[in-house]
Amino acid sequence: MMCTHVFGMQFDFSFLCLVVDCGDPGNPQNGRRILQEGTTFQSNVTYECDPGFRLEGVALRTCRPLAVWSGSQPSCTRK
């Protein structure tokens, strides 16, 4: 796109915009994921375990710029 007459100067702007979607982050066995904002860039997913199980790993993951979730999926193990 070419923009002219901006404070008497000429600027050449080029932008490429893409939707970054990390897809389904998965559910741990004996637990669940909680998606509050969807699966696109900067969205978060949190994990929790069913009663009688404890979470092993990080409970929060974030959709990163290269369309991958941060970290790895946690697991739920019996207490």
PDB file of N, CA and C in Angstrom:
ATOM      1  N   MET A   1       0.854  -1.166   0.000  1.00  0.00           N
ATOM      2  CA  MET A   1       0.000   0.000   0.000  1.00  0.00           C
ATOM      3  C   MET A   1       0.900   1.229   0.000  1.00  0.00           C
ATOM      4  N   MET A   2       0.540   2.167  -0.753  1.00  0.00           N
ATOM      5  CA  MET A   2       1.293   3.418  -0.826  1.00  0.00           C
ATOM      6  C   MET A   2       0.489   4.523  -0.183  1.00  0.00           C
ATOM      7  N   CYS A   3       1.095   5.254   0.762  1.00  0.00           N
ATOM      8  CA  CYS A   3       0.422   6.365   1.436  1.00  0.00           C
ATOM      9  C   CYS A   3       1.156   7.651   1.095  1.00  0.00           C
ATOM     10  N   THR A   4       0.440   8.620   0.632  1.00  0.00           N
ATOM     11  CA  THR A   4       1.082   9.892   0.269  1.00  0.00           C
ATOM     12  C   THR A   4       0.500  11.024   1.096  1.00  0.00           C
ATOM     13  N   HIS A   5       1.202  12.143   1.087  1.00  0.00           N
ATOM     14  CA  HIS A   5       0.770  13.366   1.764  1.00  0.00           C
ATOM     15  C   HIS A   5       0.593  13.168   3.269  1.00  0.00           C
ATOM     16  N   VAL A   6       1.485  12.401   3.880  1.00  0.00           N
ATOM     17  CA  VAL A   6       1.493  12.272   5.326  1.00  0.00           C
ATOM     18  C   VAL A   6       2.588  13.201   5.827  1.00  0.00           C
ATOM     19  N   PHE A   7       2.206  14.331   6.362  1.00  0.00           N
ATOM     20  CA  PHE A   7       3.149  15.355   6.798  1.00  0.00           C
ATOM     21  C   PHE A   7       4.123  15.723   5.674  1.00  0.00           C
ATOM     22  N   GLY A   8       3.608  15.729   4.436  1.00  0.00           N
ATOM     23  CA  GLY A   8       4.419  16.113   3.301  1.00  0.00           C
ATOM     24  C   GLY A   8       5.450  15.078   2.876  1.00  0.00           C
ATOM     25  N   MET A   9       5.386  13.847   3.439  1.00  0.00           N
ATOM     26  CA  MET A   9       6.343  12.808   3.094  1.00  0.00           C
ATOM     27  C   MET A   9       5.617  11.649   2.422  1.00  0.00           C
ATOM     28  N   GLN A  10       6.387  10.767   1.860  1.00  0.00           N
ATOM     29  CA  GLN A  10       5.831   9.598   1.208  1.00  0.00           C
ATOM     30  C   GLN A  10       6.363   8.347   1.905  1.00  0.00           C
ATOM     31  N   PHE A  11       5.451   7.430   2.251  1.00  0.00           N
ATOM     32  CA  PHE A  11       5.835   6.209   2.937  1.00  0.00           C
ATOM     33  C   PHE A  11       5.340   4.997   2.163  1.00  0.00           C
ATOM     34  N   ASP A  12       6.133   3.958   2.143  1.00  0.00           N
ATOM     35  CA  ASP A  12       5.751   2.716   1.493  1.00  0.00           C
ATOM     36  C   ASP A  12       5.614   1.666   2.588  1.00  0.00           C
ATOM     37  N   PHE A  13       4.406   1.164   2.803  1.00  0.00           N
ATOM     38  CA  PHE A  13       4.152   0.186   3.854  1.00  0.00           C
ATOM     39  C   PHE A  13       3.743  -1.148   3.252  1.00  0.00           C
ATOM     40  N   SER A  14       4.286  -2.196   3.773  1.00  0.00           N
ATOM     41  CA  SER A  14       3.936  -3.535   3.331  1.00  0.00           C
ATOM     42  C   SER A  14       3.663  -4.384   4.562  1.00  0.00           C
ATOM     43  N   PHE A  15       2.473  -4.971   4.653  1.00  0.00           N
ATOM     44  CA  PHE A  15       2.120  -5.798   5.800  1.00  0.00           C
ATOM     45  C   PHE A  15       1.571  -7.135   5.329  1.00  0.00           C
ATOM     46  N   LEU A  16       1.924  -8.158   6.019  1.00  0.00           N
ATOM     47  CA  LEU A  16       1.360  -9.478   5.784  1.00  0.00           C
ATOM     48  C   LEU A  16       0.789  -9.932   7.111  1.00  0.00           C
ATOM     49  N   CYS A  17      -0.492 -10.173   7.171  1.00  0.00           N
ATOM     50  CA  CYS A  17      -1.141 -10.574   8.411  1.00  0.00           C
ATOM     51  C   CYS A  17      -1.698 -11.982   8.264  1.00  0.00           C
ATOM     52  N   LEU A  18      -1.361 -12.826   9.185  1.00  0.00           N
ATOM     53  CA  LEU A  18      -1.828 -14.202   9.181  1.00  0.00           C
ATOM     54  C   LEU A  18      -2.472 -14.532  10.517  1.00  0.00           C
ATOM     55  N   VAL A  19      -3.480 -15.376  10.478  1.00  0.00           N
ATOM     56  CA  VAL A  19      -4.072 -15.879  11.711  1.00  0.00           C
ATOM     57  C   VAL A  19      -3.224 -17.055  12.168  1.00  0.00           C
ATOM     58  N   VAL A  20      -2.699 -16.963  13.387  1.00  0.00           N
ATOM     59  CA  VAL A  20      -1.891 -18.040  13.959  1.00  0.00           C
ATOM     60  C   VAL A  20      -2.799 -18.869  14.854  1.00  0.00           C
ATOM     61  N   ASP A  21      -3.017 -20.121  14.490  1.00  0.00           N
ATOM     62  CA  ASP A  21      -3.882 -21.020  15.261  1.00  0.00           C
ATOM     63  C   ASP A  21      -3.074 -22.236  15.678  1.00  0.00           C
ATOM     64  N   CYS A  22      -2.975 -22.457  16.976  1.00  0.00           N
ATOM     65  CA  CYS A  22      -2.192 -23.572  17.515  1.00  0.00           C
ATOM     66  C   CYS A  22      -2.961 -24.888  17.514  1.00  0.00           C
ATOM     67  N   GLY A  23      -4.235 -24.846  17.222  1.00  0.00           N
ATOM     68  CA  GLY A  23      -5.019 -26.084  17.189  1.00  0.00           C
ATOM     69  C   GLY A  23      -5.334 -26.615  18.584  1.00  0.00           C
ATOM     70  N   ASP A  24      -5.857 -27.812  18.609  1.00  0.00           N
ATOM     71  CA  ASP A  24      -6.283 -28.452  19.849  1.00  0.00           C
ATOM     72  C   ASP A  24      -5.064 -28.823  20.704  1.00  0.00           C
ATOM     73  N   PRO A  25      -4.966 -28.290  21.935  1.00  0.00           N
ATOM     74  CA  PRO A  25      -3.819 -28.610  22.779  1.00  0.00           C
ATOM     75  C   PRO A  25      -3.923 -29.975  23.457  1.00  0.00           C
ATOM     76  N   GLY A  26      -5.065 -30.621  23.324  1.00  0.00           N
ATOM     77  CA  GLY A  26      -5.252 -31.957  23.892  1.00  0.00           C
ATOM     78  C   GLY A  26      -5.729 -31.935  25.337  1.00  0.00           C
ATOM     79  N   ASN A  27      -6.284 -33.053  25.745  1.00  0.00           N
ATOM     80  CA  ASN A  27      -6.756 -33.252  27.124  1.00  0.00           C
ATOM     81  C   ASN A  27      -5.906 -34.330  27.780  1.00  0.00           C
ATOM     82  N   PRO A  28      -5.461 -34.106  29.001  1.00  0.00           N
ATOM     83  CA  PRO A  28      -4.750 -35.190  29.675  1.00  0.00           C
ATOM     84  C   PRO A  28      -5.749 -36.264  30.126  1.00  0.00           C
ATOM     85  N   GLN A  29      -5.316 -37.490  30.121  1.00  0.00           N
ATOM     86  CA  GLN A  29      -6.173 -38.555  30.644  1.00  0.00           C
ATOM     87  C   GLN A  29      -6.421 -38.282  32.122  1.00  0.00           C
ATOM     88  N   ASN A  30      -7.651 -38.462  32.567  1.00  0.00           N
ATOM     89  CA  ASN A  30      -8.076 -38.194  33.951  1.00  0.00           C
ATOM     90  C   ASN A  30      -8.019 -36.709  34.301  1.00  0.00           C
ATOM     91  N   GLY A  31      -8.211 -35.868  33.288  1.00  0.00           N
ATOM     92  CA  GLY A  31      -8.211 -34.427  33.500  1.00  0.00           C
ATOM     93  C   GLY A  31      -8.884 -33.719  32.350  1.00  0.00           C
ATOM     94  N   ARG A  32      -8.729 -32.416  32.315  1.00  0.00           N
ATOM     95  CA  ARG A  32      -9.354 -31.634  31.246  1.00  0.00           C
ATOM     96  C   ARG A  32      -8.563 -30.345  31.014  1.00  0.00           C
ATOM     97  N   ARG A  33      -8.804 -29.776  29.842  1.00  0.00           N
ATOM     98  CA  ARG A  33      -8.230 -28.479  29.500  1.00  0.00           C
ATOM     99  C   ARG A  33      -9.323 -27.429  29.607  1.00  0.00           C
ATOM    100  N   ILE A  34      -8.927 -26.207  29.874  1.00  0.00           N
ATOM    101  CA  ILE A  34      -9.862 -25.087  29.923  1.00  0.00           C
ATOM    102  C   ILE A  34      -9.343 -24.015  28.974  1.00  0.00           C
ATOM    103  N   LEU A  35     -10.041 -23.858  27.849  1.00  0.00           N
ATOM    104  CA  LEU A  35      -9.707 -22.829  26.858  1.00  0.00           C
ATOM    105  C   LEU A  35     -10.664 -21.673  27.066  1.00  0.00           C
ATOM    106  N   GLN A  36     -10.138 -20.500  27.357  1.00  0.00           N
ATOM    107  CA  GLN A  36     -11.009 -19.350  27.577  1.00  0.00           C
ATOM    108  C   GLN A  36     -11.070 -18.418  26.392  1.00  0.00           C
ATOM    109  N   GLU A  37     -10.048 -18.440  25.539  1.00  0.00           N
ATOM    110  CA  GLU A  37      -9.966 -17.473  24.448  1.00  0.00           C
ATOM    111  C   GLU A  37      -9.826 -18.125  23.086  1.00  0.00           C
ATOM    112  N   GLY A  38      -9.975 -19.408  22.982  1.00  0.00           N
ATOM    113  CA  GLY A  38      -9.776 -20.085  21.710  1.00  0.00           C
ATOM    114  C   GLY A  38      -8.370 -20.643  21.609  1.00  0.00           C
ATOM    115  N   THR A  39      -7.915 -20.860  20.374  1.00  0.00           N
ATOM    116  CA  THR A  39      -6.619 -21.506  20.144  1.00  0.00           C
ATOM    117  C   THR A  39      -5.688 -20.667  19.282  1.00  0.00           C
ATOM    118  N   THR A  40      -5.941 -19.361  19.199  1.00  0.00           N
ATOM    119  CA  THR A  40      -5.113 -18.488  18.374  1.00  0.00           C
ATOM    120  C   THR A  40      -4.002 -17.823  19.186  1.00  0.00           C
ATOM    121  N   PHE A  41      -3.098 -17.140  18.484  1.00  0.00           N
ATOM    122  CA  PHE A  41      -1.921 -16.510  19.070  1.00  0.00           C
ATOM    123  C   PHE A  41      -2.235 -15.782  20.375  1.00  0.00           C
ATOM    124  N   GLN A  42      -1.449 -16.060  21.387  1.00  0.00           N
ATOM    125  CA  GLN A  42      -1.513 -15.505  22.737  1.00  0.00           C
ATOM    126  C   GLN A  42      -2.680 -16.033  23.566  1.00  0.00           C
ATOM    127  N   SER A  43      -3.444 -16.977  23.039  1.00  0.00           N
ATOM    128  CA  SER A  43      -4.487 -17.614  23.845  1.00  0.00           C
ATOM    129  C   SER A  43      -3.830 -18.529  24.868  1.00  0.00           C
ATOM    130  N   ASN A  44      -4.511 -18.723  25.983  1.00  0.00           N
ATOM    131  CA  ASN A  44      -4.005 -19.592  27.044  1.00  0.00           C
ATOM    132  C   ASN A  44      -4.911 -20.791  27.235  1.00  0.00           C
ATOM    133  N   VAL A  45      -4.306 -21.889  27.644  1.00  0.00           N
ATOM    134  CA  VAL A  45      -5.053 -23.068  28.045  1.00  0.00           C
ATOM    135  C   VAL A  45      -4.529 -23.452  29.431  1.00  0.00           C
ATOM    136  N   THR A  46      -5.444 -23.790  30.318  1.00  0.00           N
ATOM    137  CA  THR A  46      -5.051 -24.292  31.628  1.00  0.00           C
ATOM    138  C   THR A  46      -5.569 -25.716  31.767  1.00  0.00           C
ATOM    139  N   TYR A  47      -4.889 -26.473  32.604  1.00  0.00           N
ATOM    140  CA  TYR A  47      -5.233 -27.873  32.804  1.00  0.00           C
ATOM    141  C   TYR A  47      -5.550 -28.108  34.266  1.00  0.00           C
ATOM    142  N   GLU A  48      -6.481 -29.017  34.507  1.00  0.00           N
ATOM    143  CA  GLU A  48      -6.756 -29.478  35.866  1.00  0.00           C
ATOM    144  C   GLU A  48      -7.098 -30.951  35.811  1.00  0.00           C
ATOM    145  N   CYS A  49      -6.939 -31.590  36.945  1.00  0.00           N
ATOM    146  CA  CYS A  49      -7.144 -33.038  37.015  1.00  0.00           C
ATOM    147  C   CYS A  49      -8.438 -33.378  37.736  1.00  0.00           C
ATOM    148  N   ASP A  50      -8.932 -34.568  37.446  1.00  0.00           N
ATOM    149  CA  ASP A  50     -10.116 -35.078  38.129  1.00  0.00           C
ATOM    150  C   ASP A  50      -9.798 -35.305  39.604  1.00  0.00           C
ATOM    151  N   PRO A  51     -10.839 -35.353  40.461  1.00  0.00           N
ATOM    152  CA  PRO A  51     -10.619 -35.653  41.877  1.00  0.00           C
ATOM    153  C   PRO A  51      -9.859 -36.976  42.029  1.00  0.00           C
ATOM    154  N   GLY A  52      -8.892 -36.978  42.943  1.00  0.00           N
ATOM    155  CA  GLY A  52      -8.084 -38.164  43.179  1.00  0.00           C
ATOM    156  C   GLY A  52      -6.833 -38.223  42.325  1.00  0.00           C
ATOM    157  N   PHE A  53      -6.627 -37.206  41.460  1.00  0.00           N
ATOM    158  CA  PHE A  53      -5.455 -37.144  40.591  1.00  0.00           C
ATOM    159  C   PHE A  53      -4.746 -35.811  40.798  1.00  0.00           C
ATOM    160  N   ARG A  54      -3.455 -35.793  40.553  1.00  0.00           N
ATOM    161  CA  ARG A  54      -2.695 -34.543  40.672  1.00  0.00           C
ATOM    162  C   ARG A  54      -1.996 -34.250  39.343  1.00  0.00           C
ATOM    163  N   LEU A  55      -1.846 -32.970  39.091  1.00  0.00           N
ATOM    164  CA  LEU A  55      -1.242 -32.509  37.841  1.00  0.00           C
ATOM    165  C   LEU A  55       0.279 -32.611  37.931  1.00  0.00           C
ATOM    166  N   GLU A  56       0.877 -33.184  36.915  1.00  0.00           N
ATOM    167  CA  GLU A  56       2.327 -33.225  36.803  1.00  0.00           C
ATOM    168  C   GLU A  56       2.712 -32.476  35.549  1.00  0.00           C
ATOM    169  N   GLY A  57       3.474 -31.410  35.729  1.00  0.00           N
ATOM    170  CA  GLY A  57       3.846 -30.531  34.631  1.00  0.00           C
ATOM    171  C   GLY A  57       3.260 -29.152  34.862  1.00  0.00           C
ATOM    172  N   VAL A  58       3.372 -28.328  33.855  1.00  0.00           N
ATOM    173  CA  VAL A  58       2.912 -26.939  33.946  1.00  0.00           C
ATOM    174  C   VAL A  58       1.427 -26.860  33.602  1.00  0.00           C
ATOM    175  N   ALA A  59       0.668 -26.132  34.423  1.00  0.00           N
ATOM    176  CA  ALA A  59      -0.785 -26.044  34.243  1.00  0.00           C
ATOM    177  C   ALA A  59      -1.205 -25.035  33.178  1.00  0.00           C
ATOM    178  N   LEU A  60      -0.315 -24.122  32.777  1.00  0.00           N
ATOM    179  CA  LEU A  60      -0.668 -23.061  31.823  1.00  0.00           C
ATOM    180  C   LEU A  60       0.223 -23.163  30.587  1.00  0.00           C
ATOM    181  N   ARG A  61      -0.412 -23.145  29.417  1.00  0.00           N
ATOM    182  CA  ARG A  61       0.312 -23.116  28.147  1.00  0.00           C
ATOM    183  C   ARG A  61      -0.241 -21.967  27.309  1.00  0.00           C
ATOM    184  N   THR A  62       0.605 -21.404  26.451  1.00  0.00           N
ATOM    185  CA  THR A  62       0.239 -20.251  25.631  1.00  0.00           C
ATOM    186  C   THR A  62       0.517 -20.553  24.164  1.00  0.00           C
ATOM    187  N   CYS A  63      -0.378 -20.097  23.298  1.00  0.00           N
ATOM    188  CA  CYS A  63      -0.188 -20.249  21.852  1.00  0.00           C
ATOM    189  C   CYS A  63       0.894 -19.269  21.405  1.00  0.00           C
ATOM    190  N   ARG A  64       1.968 -19.814  20.826  1.00  0.00           N
ATOM    191  CA  ARG A  64       3.140 -19.034  20.437  1.00  0.00           C
ATOM    192  C   ARG A  64       3.071 -18.605  18.964  1.00  0.00           C
ATOM    193  N   PRO A  65       3.936 -17.677  18.546  1.00  0.00           N
ATOM    194  CA  PRO A  65       3.887 -17.133  17.183  1.00  0.00           C
ATOM    195  C   PRO A  65       4.037 -18.152  16.055  1.00  0.00           C
ATOM    196  N   LEU A  66       4.730 -19.256  16.289  1.00  0.00           N
ATOM    197  CA  LEU A  66       4.915 -20.240  15.224  1.00  0.00           C
ATOM    198  C   LEU A  66       3.836 -21.323  15.232  1.00  0.00           C
ATOM    199  N   ALA A  67       2.680 -21.006  15.834  1.00  0.00           N
ATOM    200  CA  ALA A  67       1.509 -21.889  15.869  1.00  0.00           C
ATOM    201  C   ALA A  67       1.770 -23.186  16.638  1.00  0.00           C
ATOM    202  N   VAL A  68       2.494 -23.078  17.745  1.00  0.00           N
ATOM    203  CA  VAL A  68       2.706 -24.211  18.645  1.00  0.00           C
ATOM    204  C   VAL A  68       2.418 -23.760  20.070  1.00  0.00           C
ATOM    205  N   TRP A  69       1.968 -24.693  20.892  1.00  0.00           N
ATOM    206  CA  TRP A  69       1.721 -24.404  22.298  1.00  0.00           C
ATOM    207  C   TRP A  69       3.036 -24.415  23.064  1.00  0.00           C
ATOM    208  N   SER A  70       3.180 -23.518  24.022  1.00  0.00           N
ATOM    209  CA  SER A  70       4.381 -23.505  24.853  1.00  0.00           C
ATOM    210  C   SER A  70       4.424 -24.769  25.704  1.00  0.00           C
ATOM    211  N   GLY A  71       5.621 -25.182  26.064  1.00  0.00           N
ATOM    212  CA  GLY A  71       5.778 -26.327  26.948  1.00  0.00           C
ATOM    213  C   GLY A  71       5.215 -27.602  26.352  1.00  0.00           C
ATOM    214  N   SER A  72       4.874 -28.532  27.244  1.00  0.00           N
ATOM    215  CA  SER A  72       4.273 -29.785  26.798  1.00  0.00           C
ATOM    216  C   SER A  72       3.040 -30.073  27.640  1.00  0.00           C
ATOM    217  N   GLN A  73       2.198 -30.926  27.131  1.00  0.00           N
ATOM    218  CA  GLN A  73       0.951 -31.236  27.824  1.00  0.00           C
ATOM    219  C   GLN A  73       1.257 -31.933  29.150  1.00  0.00           C
ATOM    220  N   PRO A  74       0.670 -31.447  30.249  1.00  0.00           N
ATOM    221  CA  PRO A  74       0.881 -32.110  31.530  1.00  0.00           C
ATOM    222  C   PRO A  74       0.097 -33.409  31.597  1.00  0.00           C
ATOM    223  N   SER A  75       0.341 -34.173  32.633  1.00  0.00           N
ATOM    224  CA  SER A  75      -0.401 -35.426  32.830  1.00  0.00           C
ATOM    225  C   SER A  75      -1.022 -35.417  34.223  1.00  0.00           C
ATOM    226  N   CYS A  76      -1.989 -36.278  34.408  1.00  0.00           N
ATOM    227  CA  CYS A  76      -2.665 -36.419  35.701  1.00  0.00           C
ATOM    228  C   CYS A  76      -2.361 -37.817  36.249  1.00  0.00           C
ATOM    229  N   THR A  77      -1.763 -37.864  37.424  1.00  0.00           N
ATOM    230  CA  THR A  77      -1.438 -39.148  38.034  1.00  0.00           C
ATOM    231  C   THR A  77      -2.219 -39.313  39.332  1.00  0.00           C
ATOM    232  N   ARG A  78      -2.479 -40.562  39.656  1.00  0.00           N
ATOM    233  CA  ARG A  78      -3.244 -40.860  40.875  1.00  0.00           C
ATOM    234  C   ARG A  78      -2.461 -40.387  42.076  1.00  0.00           C
ATOM    235  N   LYS A  79      -3.167 -39.785  43.030  1.00  0.00           N
ATOM    236  CA  LYS A  79      -2.544 -39.297  44.268  1.00  0.00           C
ATOM    237  C   LYS A  79      -2.119 -40.449  45.147  1.00  0.00           C
TER     238      LYS A  79
END
